[in-house]
N, C-alpha and C. Protein backbone atom coordinates (compact mmCIF):
# COMPACT_ATOMS: atom_id res chain seq x y z
N MET A 1 218.15 91.60 -36.92
CA MET A 1 218.01 90.27 -37.50
C MET A 1 216.75 90.26 -38.37
N THR A 2 216.89 89.69 -39.56
CA THR A 2 215.74 89.63 -40.47
C THR A 2 214.85 88.45 -40.13
N ASN A 3 213.65 88.46 -40.68
CA ASN A 3 212.71 87.36 -40.48
C ASN A 3 213.30 86.03 -40.97
N GLU A 4 214.05 86.07 -42.08
CA GLU A 4 214.67 84.84 -42.59
C GLU A 4 215.61 84.24 -41.56
N HIS A 5 216.40 85.10 -40.90
CA HIS A 5 217.32 84.61 -39.88
C HIS A 5 216.56 84.13 -38.64
N GLU A 6 215.52 84.84 -38.26
CA GLU A 6 214.75 84.47 -37.08
C GLU A 6 214.14 83.07 -37.22
N ARG A 7 213.76 82.68 -38.43
CA ARG A 7 213.15 81.35 -38.64
C ARG A 7 214.13 80.23 -38.32
N LEU A 8 215.43 80.50 -38.43
CA LEU A 8 216.44 79.50 -38.14
C LEU A 8 216.47 79.12 -36.65
N GLN A 9 215.86 79.94 -35.82
CA GLN A 9 215.81 79.68 -34.38
C GLN A 9 215.25 78.29 -34.07
N ALA A 10 214.40 77.77 -34.95
CA ALA A 10 213.79 76.45 -34.73
C ALA A 10 214.83 75.36 -34.50
N PHE A 11 216.02 75.49 -35.09
CA PHE A 11 217.05 74.46 -34.99
C PHE A 11 217.89 74.57 -33.72
N ILE A 12 217.86 75.73 -33.06
CA ILE A 12 218.75 75.99 -31.93
C ILE A 12 218.40 75.09 -30.75
N GLY A 13 219.43 74.53 -30.12
CA GLY A 13 219.23 73.73 -28.92
C GLY A 13 219.99 72.42 -28.98
N ASP A 14 219.80 71.63 -27.93
CA ASP A 14 220.39 70.30 -27.85
C ASP A 14 219.29 69.29 -28.11
N TRP A 15 219.60 68.27 -28.93
CA TRP A 15 218.62 67.31 -29.40
C TRP A 15 219.14 65.89 -29.25
N TRP A 16 218.24 64.96 -29.01
CA TRP A 16 218.54 63.54 -28.96
C TRP A 16 217.61 62.87 -29.95
N ALA A 17 218.16 61.99 -30.82
CA ALA A 17 217.35 61.37 -31.88
C ALA A 17 217.52 59.87 -31.91
N GLU A 18 216.46 59.21 -32.36
CA GLU A 18 216.55 57.78 -32.63
C GLU A 18 215.65 57.47 -33.81
N GLY A 19 215.99 56.39 -34.50
CA GLY A 19 215.22 55.99 -35.67
C GLY A 19 215.89 54.83 -36.37
N THR A 20 215.78 54.82 -37.69
CA THR A 20 216.33 53.74 -38.50
C THR A 20 217.15 54.32 -39.64
N ALA A 21 218.37 53.78 -39.82
CA ALA A 21 219.23 54.13 -40.96
C ALA A 21 219.19 52.96 -41.93
N TYR A 22 219.07 53.23 -43.22
CA TYR A 22 218.94 52.17 -44.20
C TYR A 22 220.22 51.91 -44.98
N GLY A 23 220.90 52.94 -45.43
CA GLY A 23 222.16 52.75 -46.14
C GLY A 23 221.99 52.08 -47.49
N ALA A 24 223.13 51.84 -48.15
CA ALA A 24 223.14 51.30 -49.51
C ALA A 24 222.54 49.90 -49.59
N ASP A 25 222.66 49.11 -48.53
CA ASP A 25 222.12 47.75 -48.56
C ASP A 25 220.62 47.71 -48.28
N ARG A 26 220.05 48.86 -47.92
CA ARG A 26 218.62 49.03 -47.66
C ARG A 26 218.10 48.17 -46.52
N GLN A 27 219.02 47.68 -45.71
CA GLN A 27 218.65 46.94 -44.50
C GLN A 27 218.62 47.94 -43.35
N GLY A 28 217.55 47.98 -42.61
CA GLY A 28 217.42 48.93 -41.52
C GLY A 28 218.28 48.56 -40.32
N SER A 29 218.91 49.56 -39.73
CA SER A 29 219.64 49.39 -38.48
C SER A 29 219.32 50.57 -37.58
N PRO A 30 219.42 50.38 -36.27
CA PRO A 30 219.07 51.46 -35.34
C PRO A 30 219.94 52.70 -35.52
N TRP A 31 219.30 53.85 -35.41
CA TRP A 31 220.00 55.14 -35.48
C TRP A 31 219.81 55.83 -34.13
N ARG A 32 220.91 56.28 -33.57
CA ARG A 32 220.87 57.10 -32.36
C ARG A 32 221.88 58.22 -32.53
N SER A 33 221.47 59.41 -32.16
CA SER A 33 222.40 60.54 -32.29
C SER A 33 222.06 61.63 -31.29
N VAL A 34 223.02 62.47 -31.06
CA VAL A 34 222.83 63.70 -30.32
C VAL A 34 223.37 64.82 -31.20
N HIS A 35 222.69 65.93 -31.18
CA HIS A 35 223.23 67.08 -31.90
C HIS A 35 222.90 68.37 -31.15
N SER A 36 223.77 69.31 -31.36
CA SER A 36 223.67 70.60 -30.71
C SER A 36 223.75 71.67 -31.78
N ALA A 37 222.82 72.60 -31.75
CA ALA A 37 222.80 73.69 -32.72
C ALA A 37 222.84 75.02 -31.97
N ARG A 38 223.71 75.90 -32.42
CA ARG A 38 223.86 77.20 -31.77
C ARG A 38 224.04 78.27 -32.85
N TRP A 39 223.82 79.51 -32.44
CA TRP A 39 224.08 80.63 -33.33
C TRP A 39 225.58 80.87 -33.42
N HIS A 40 226.05 81.12 -34.61
CA HIS A 40 227.41 81.62 -34.78
C HIS A 40 227.37 83.09 -34.38
N THR A 41 228.50 83.65 -34.02
CA THR A 41 228.56 85.06 -33.63
C THR A 41 227.83 85.92 -34.66
N GLY A 42 226.94 86.77 -34.20
CA GLY A 42 226.18 87.65 -35.07
C GLY A 42 224.76 87.17 -35.33
N ASP A 43 224.44 85.96 -34.89
CA ASP A 43 223.09 85.41 -35.04
C ASP A 43 222.60 85.40 -36.49
N ARG A 44 223.49 85.06 -37.41
CA ARG A 44 223.11 84.98 -38.83
C ARG A 44 223.17 83.55 -39.36
N PHE A 45 224.01 82.71 -38.74
CA PHE A 45 224.19 81.34 -39.20
C PHE A 45 224.11 80.39 -38.02
N VAL A 46 223.55 79.21 -38.27
CA VAL A 46 223.45 78.17 -37.26
C VAL A 46 224.58 77.17 -37.50
N VAL A 47 225.28 76.82 -36.44
CA VAL A 47 226.33 75.80 -36.48
C VAL A 47 225.78 74.60 -35.73
N GLN A 48 225.79 73.44 -36.39
CA GLN A 48 225.23 72.24 -35.78
C GLN A 48 226.27 71.13 -35.80
N ASP A 49 226.45 70.50 -34.65
CA ASP A 49 227.41 69.41 -34.49
C ASP A 49 226.63 68.16 -34.10
N GLU A 50 226.78 67.09 -34.88
CA GLU A 50 226.02 65.86 -34.63
C GLU A 50 226.96 64.67 -34.47
N ARG A 51 226.67 63.85 -33.48
CA ARG A 51 227.41 62.60 -33.23
C ARG A 51 226.39 61.47 -33.31
N ALA A 52 226.61 60.54 -34.23
CA ALA A 52 225.65 59.46 -34.45
C ALA A 52 226.31 58.10 -34.49
N ASN A 53 225.63 57.12 -33.88
CA ASN A 53 226.03 55.71 -33.97
C ASN A 53 227.53 55.50 -33.81
N GLY A 54 228.11 56.10 -32.82
CA GLY A 54 229.54 55.89 -32.60
C GLY A 54 230.38 56.80 -33.47
N PRO A 55 231.10 56.24 -34.46
CA PRO A 55 232.07 57.05 -35.20
C PRO A 55 231.50 57.77 -36.42
N PHE A 56 230.35 58.40 -36.32
CA PHE A 56 229.77 59.14 -37.43
C PHE A 56 229.49 60.56 -36.95
N ASP A 57 230.30 61.50 -37.38
CA ASP A 57 230.19 62.90 -36.93
C ASP A 57 229.97 63.82 -38.11
N THR A 58 229.06 64.76 -37.94
CA THR A 58 228.75 65.74 -38.98
C THR A 58 228.75 67.14 -38.37
N LEU A 59 229.38 68.07 -39.06
CA LEU A 59 229.34 69.48 -38.70
C LEU A 59 228.65 70.20 -39.85
N SER A 60 227.62 70.99 -39.53
CA SER A 60 226.90 71.67 -40.60
C SER A 60 226.66 73.13 -40.26
N PHE A 61 226.42 73.89 -41.31
CA PHE A 61 226.13 75.32 -41.24
C PHE A 61 224.84 75.56 -41.99
N LEU A 62 223.94 76.31 -41.39
CA LEU A 62 222.65 76.59 -41.99
C LEU A 62 222.46 78.10 -41.98
N GLY A 63 222.01 78.66 -43.09
CA GLY A 63 221.85 80.11 -43.14
C GLY A 63 220.98 80.55 -44.29
N TRP A 64 220.87 81.87 -44.41
CA TRP A 64 220.11 82.52 -45.47
C TRP A 64 221.09 83.16 -46.43
N ASP A 65 220.96 82.84 -47.71
CA ASP A 65 221.80 83.42 -48.76
C ASP A 65 221.01 84.55 -49.42
N ARG A 66 221.41 85.78 -49.13
CA ARG A 66 220.68 86.94 -49.66
C ARG A 66 220.75 87.02 -51.17
N GLU A 67 221.89 86.67 -51.75
CA GLU A 67 222.04 86.77 -53.20
C GLU A 67 221.14 85.79 -53.94
N ARG A 68 221.05 84.57 -53.46
CA ARG A 68 220.20 83.56 -54.12
C ARG A 68 218.78 83.57 -53.56
N GLU A 69 218.56 84.32 -52.47
CA GLU A 69 217.27 84.41 -51.80
C GLU A 69 216.74 83.02 -51.45
N THR A 70 217.60 82.26 -50.77
CA THR A 70 217.22 80.92 -50.34
C THR A 70 218.03 80.54 -49.11
N TYR A 71 217.51 79.60 -48.35
CA TYR A 71 218.30 79.02 -47.27
C TYR A 71 219.27 78.01 -47.89
N PHE A 72 220.32 77.71 -47.16
CA PHE A 72 221.30 76.72 -47.60
C PHE A 72 221.83 75.99 -46.38
N SER A 73 222.42 74.84 -46.63
CA SER A 73 223.13 74.10 -45.59
C SER A 73 224.38 73.50 -46.21
N TRP A 74 225.49 73.65 -45.52
CA TRP A 74 226.75 73.00 -45.90
C TRP A 74 227.08 72.03 -44.79
N SER A 75 227.53 70.85 -45.15
CA SER A 75 227.92 69.90 -44.11
C SER A 75 229.20 69.19 -44.50
N VAL A 76 229.96 68.83 -43.47
CA VAL A 76 231.17 68.02 -43.63
C VAL A 76 231.07 66.87 -42.63
N GLU A 77 231.56 65.70 -43.05
CA GLU A 77 231.48 64.51 -42.21
C GLU A 77 232.88 63.95 -41.97
N ASN A 78 233.04 63.25 -40.88
CA ASN A 78 234.34 62.69 -40.55
C ASN A 78 234.78 61.58 -41.50
N HIS A 79 233.90 61.11 -42.38
CA HIS A 79 234.28 60.11 -43.37
C HIS A 79 234.74 60.75 -44.68
N GLY A 80 234.89 62.07 -44.69
CA GLY A 80 235.41 62.76 -45.86
C GLY A 80 234.39 63.31 -46.82
N PHE A 81 233.10 63.16 -46.52
CA PHE A 81 232.07 63.69 -47.39
C PHE A 81 231.79 65.16 -47.06
N HIS A 82 231.41 65.91 -48.09
CA HIS A 82 230.94 67.28 -47.89
C HIS A 82 229.73 67.46 -48.80
N ARG A 83 228.76 68.20 -48.32
CA ARG A 83 227.50 68.36 -49.06
C ARG A 83 227.04 69.83 -49.01
N GLU A 84 226.31 70.22 -50.05
CA GLU A 84 225.59 71.49 -50.03
C GLU A 84 224.14 71.19 -50.38
N TYR A 85 223.24 71.79 -49.62
CA TYR A 85 221.81 71.63 -49.84
C TYR A 85 221.18 73.01 -49.99
N LEU A 86 220.24 73.13 -50.92
CA LEU A 86 219.37 74.29 -50.94
C LEU A 86 218.19 73.91 -50.06
N VAL A 87 217.72 74.89 -49.29
CA VAL A 87 216.73 74.61 -48.26
C VAL A 87 215.53 75.53 -48.45
N THR A 88 214.35 74.93 -48.41
CA THR A 88 213.12 75.72 -48.44
C THR A 88 212.34 75.43 -47.17
N VAL A 89 211.44 76.35 -46.85
CA VAL A 89 210.61 76.17 -45.65
C VAL A 89 209.17 76.49 -46.01
N ASP A 90 208.27 75.63 -45.54
CA ASP A 90 206.84 75.82 -45.73
C ASP A 90 206.18 75.53 -44.39
N GLY A 91 205.83 76.57 -43.67
CA GLY A 91 205.28 76.40 -42.32
C GLY A 91 206.32 75.81 -41.40
N ASP A 92 206.06 74.64 -40.86
CA ASP A 92 206.98 73.97 -39.94
C ASP A 92 207.81 72.89 -40.62
N VAL A 93 207.77 72.82 -41.96
CA VAL A 93 208.51 71.79 -42.70
C VAL A 93 209.63 72.42 -43.51
N TRP A 94 210.84 71.93 -43.24
CA TRP A 94 212.04 72.37 -43.95
C TRP A 94 212.45 71.26 -44.90
N THR A 95 212.75 71.62 -46.16
CA THR A 95 213.17 70.65 -47.17
C THR A 95 214.58 70.96 -47.61
N PHE A 96 215.46 69.96 -47.52
CA PHE A 96 216.86 70.07 -47.90
C PHE A 96 217.03 69.30 -49.20
N THR A 97 217.58 69.94 -50.24
CA THR A 97 217.74 69.28 -51.53
C THR A 97 219.18 69.40 -51.99
N GLY A 98 219.81 68.24 -52.15
CA GLY A 98 221.17 68.18 -52.67
C GLY A 98 221.20 67.33 -53.92
N GLU A 99 222.38 67.20 -54.51
CA GLU A 99 222.49 66.41 -55.74
C GLU A 99 222.22 64.94 -55.51
N GLN A 100 222.68 64.40 -54.39
CA GLN A 100 222.53 62.97 -54.14
C GLN A 100 221.72 62.63 -52.90
N GLU A 101 221.35 63.64 -52.11
CA GLU A 101 220.56 63.43 -50.90
C GLU A 101 219.51 64.52 -50.79
N ARG A 102 218.42 64.18 -50.13
CA ARG A 102 217.38 65.17 -49.84
C ARG A 102 216.69 64.76 -48.55
N ALA A 103 216.05 65.74 -47.91
CA ALA A 103 215.41 65.47 -46.62
C ALA A 103 214.26 66.42 -46.39
N THR A 104 213.34 65.95 -45.53
CA THR A 104 212.36 66.85 -44.94
C THR A 104 212.52 66.75 -43.43
N ILE A 105 212.44 67.90 -42.80
CA ILE A 105 212.48 67.98 -41.34
C ILE A 105 211.24 68.75 -40.92
N ALA A 106 210.34 68.07 -40.23
CA ALA A 106 209.09 68.68 -39.79
C ALA A 106 209.16 68.91 -38.29
N PHE A 107 208.84 70.13 -37.87
CA PHE A 107 208.82 70.50 -36.46
C PHE A 107 207.39 70.45 -35.94
N THR A 108 207.23 70.01 -34.70
CA THR A 108 205.91 70.08 -34.06
C THR A 108 205.60 71.54 -33.74
N ASP A 109 204.34 71.82 -33.48
CA ASP A 109 203.91 73.19 -33.19
C ASP A 109 204.65 73.79 -31.99
N ASP A 110 204.96 72.96 -30.99
CA ASP A 110 205.66 73.49 -29.82
C ASP A 110 207.17 73.59 -30.02
N GLY A 111 207.68 73.12 -31.18
CA GLY A 111 209.11 73.26 -31.50
C GLY A 111 210.02 72.31 -30.74
N ARG A 112 209.48 71.32 -30.07
CA ARG A 112 210.30 70.43 -29.25
C ARG A 112 210.62 69.10 -29.92
N THR A 113 210.06 68.86 -31.10
CA THR A 113 210.30 67.61 -31.80
C THR A 113 210.54 67.89 -33.28
N GLN A 114 211.54 67.19 -33.84
CA GLN A 114 211.84 67.23 -35.27
C GLN A 114 211.66 65.82 -35.82
N THR A 115 210.93 65.66 -36.92
CA THR A 115 210.82 64.37 -37.60
C THR A 115 211.58 64.47 -38.91
N HIS A 116 212.61 63.63 -39.05
CA HIS A 116 213.49 63.65 -40.22
C HIS A 116 213.18 62.48 -41.15
N HIS A 117 213.14 62.75 -42.44
CA HIS A 117 213.10 61.70 -43.45
C HIS A 117 214.15 62.05 -44.50
N TRP A 118 215.18 61.21 -44.58
CA TRP A 118 216.28 61.41 -45.54
C TRP A 118 216.20 60.37 -46.64
N GLU A 119 216.51 60.79 -47.86
CA GLU A 119 216.61 59.90 -49.00
C GLU A 119 217.93 60.15 -49.71
N PHE A 120 218.39 59.14 -50.46
CA PHE A 120 219.56 59.33 -51.30
C PHE A 120 219.34 58.62 -52.62
N ARG A 121 220.24 58.91 -53.58
CA ARG A 121 220.06 58.42 -54.94
C ARG A 121 221.31 57.65 -55.37
N PRO A 122 221.46 56.39 -54.88
CA PRO A 122 222.68 55.65 -55.19
C PRO A 122 222.75 55.18 -56.64
N GLU A 123 221.60 54.93 -57.26
CA GLU A 123 221.60 54.40 -58.63
C GLU A 123 220.56 55.12 -59.48
N GLY A 124 220.38 56.41 -59.26
CA GLY A 124 219.47 57.19 -60.08
C GLY A 124 218.06 57.33 -59.57
N GLU A 125 217.64 56.52 -58.61
CA GLU A 125 216.30 56.66 -58.04
C GLU A 125 216.41 56.96 -56.54
N TRP A 126 215.46 57.74 -56.04
CA TRP A 126 215.47 58.11 -54.63
C TRP A 126 214.99 56.93 -53.78
N VAL A 127 215.77 56.61 -52.73
CA VAL A 127 215.41 55.55 -51.79
C VAL A 127 215.65 56.06 -50.37
N ALA A 128 214.98 55.45 -49.41
CA ALA A 128 215.10 55.87 -48.01
C ALA A 128 216.54 55.69 -47.53
N LEU A 129 217.03 56.69 -46.82
CA LEU A 129 218.36 56.66 -46.21
C LEU A 129 218.25 56.57 -44.69
N CYS A 130 217.35 57.39 -44.11
CA CYS A 130 217.24 57.43 -42.66
C CYS A 130 215.91 58.08 -42.27
N ASP A 131 215.27 57.50 -41.28
CA ASP A 131 214.09 58.11 -40.66
C ASP A 131 214.38 58.21 -39.18
N ARG A 132 214.20 59.39 -38.61
CA ARG A 132 214.45 59.53 -37.18
C ARG A 132 213.61 60.68 -36.60
N VAL A 133 213.47 60.61 -35.29
CA VAL A 133 212.74 61.65 -34.57
C VAL A 133 213.69 62.21 -33.51
N ALA A 134 213.84 63.52 -33.49
CA ALA A 134 214.71 64.20 -32.52
C ALA A 134 213.85 64.97 -31.53
N HIS A 135 214.26 64.89 -30.26
CA HIS A 135 213.55 65.59 -29.20
C HIS A 135 214.50 66.59 -28.54
N ARG A 136 213.99 67.78 -28.29
CA ARG A 136 214.79 68.81 -27.61
C ARG A 136 215.05 68.37 -26.17
N VAL A 137 216.29 68.48 -25.74
CA VAL A 137 216.63 68.05 -24.38
C VAL A 137 217.01 69.22 -23.47
N ASP A 138 217.03 70.42 -23.99
CA ASP A 138 217.39 71.57 -23.15
C ASP A 138 216.18 72.32 -22.67
């Protein structure tokens, strides 16, 4: 396993999160979710399954793209959306950048907490989409 793949270990585990989702109306509402991240066979890609606020489910894949020399994430949601993000890492902060959404996920030094800040661009400018904190439960 390469160092690039080893860094993905930070996401592995079971997590519980809470925070605020803003959405297109920019009115905050409570966010609660659970997600589980595991290695796909071969320990090269992370598969993450998230269940949030009742009927909101996301399945994502996170990995290292050798050809582009960057991390990436692909996600599909039960509402029919699919996304691709290019991902960079600087210390304990991971940045996900997509065409219409972007995020930072900061890990604490002990790796037991993730702080998420998501933004989206509904009308050409970036606005808050969701802020949440996830805690490792395993």
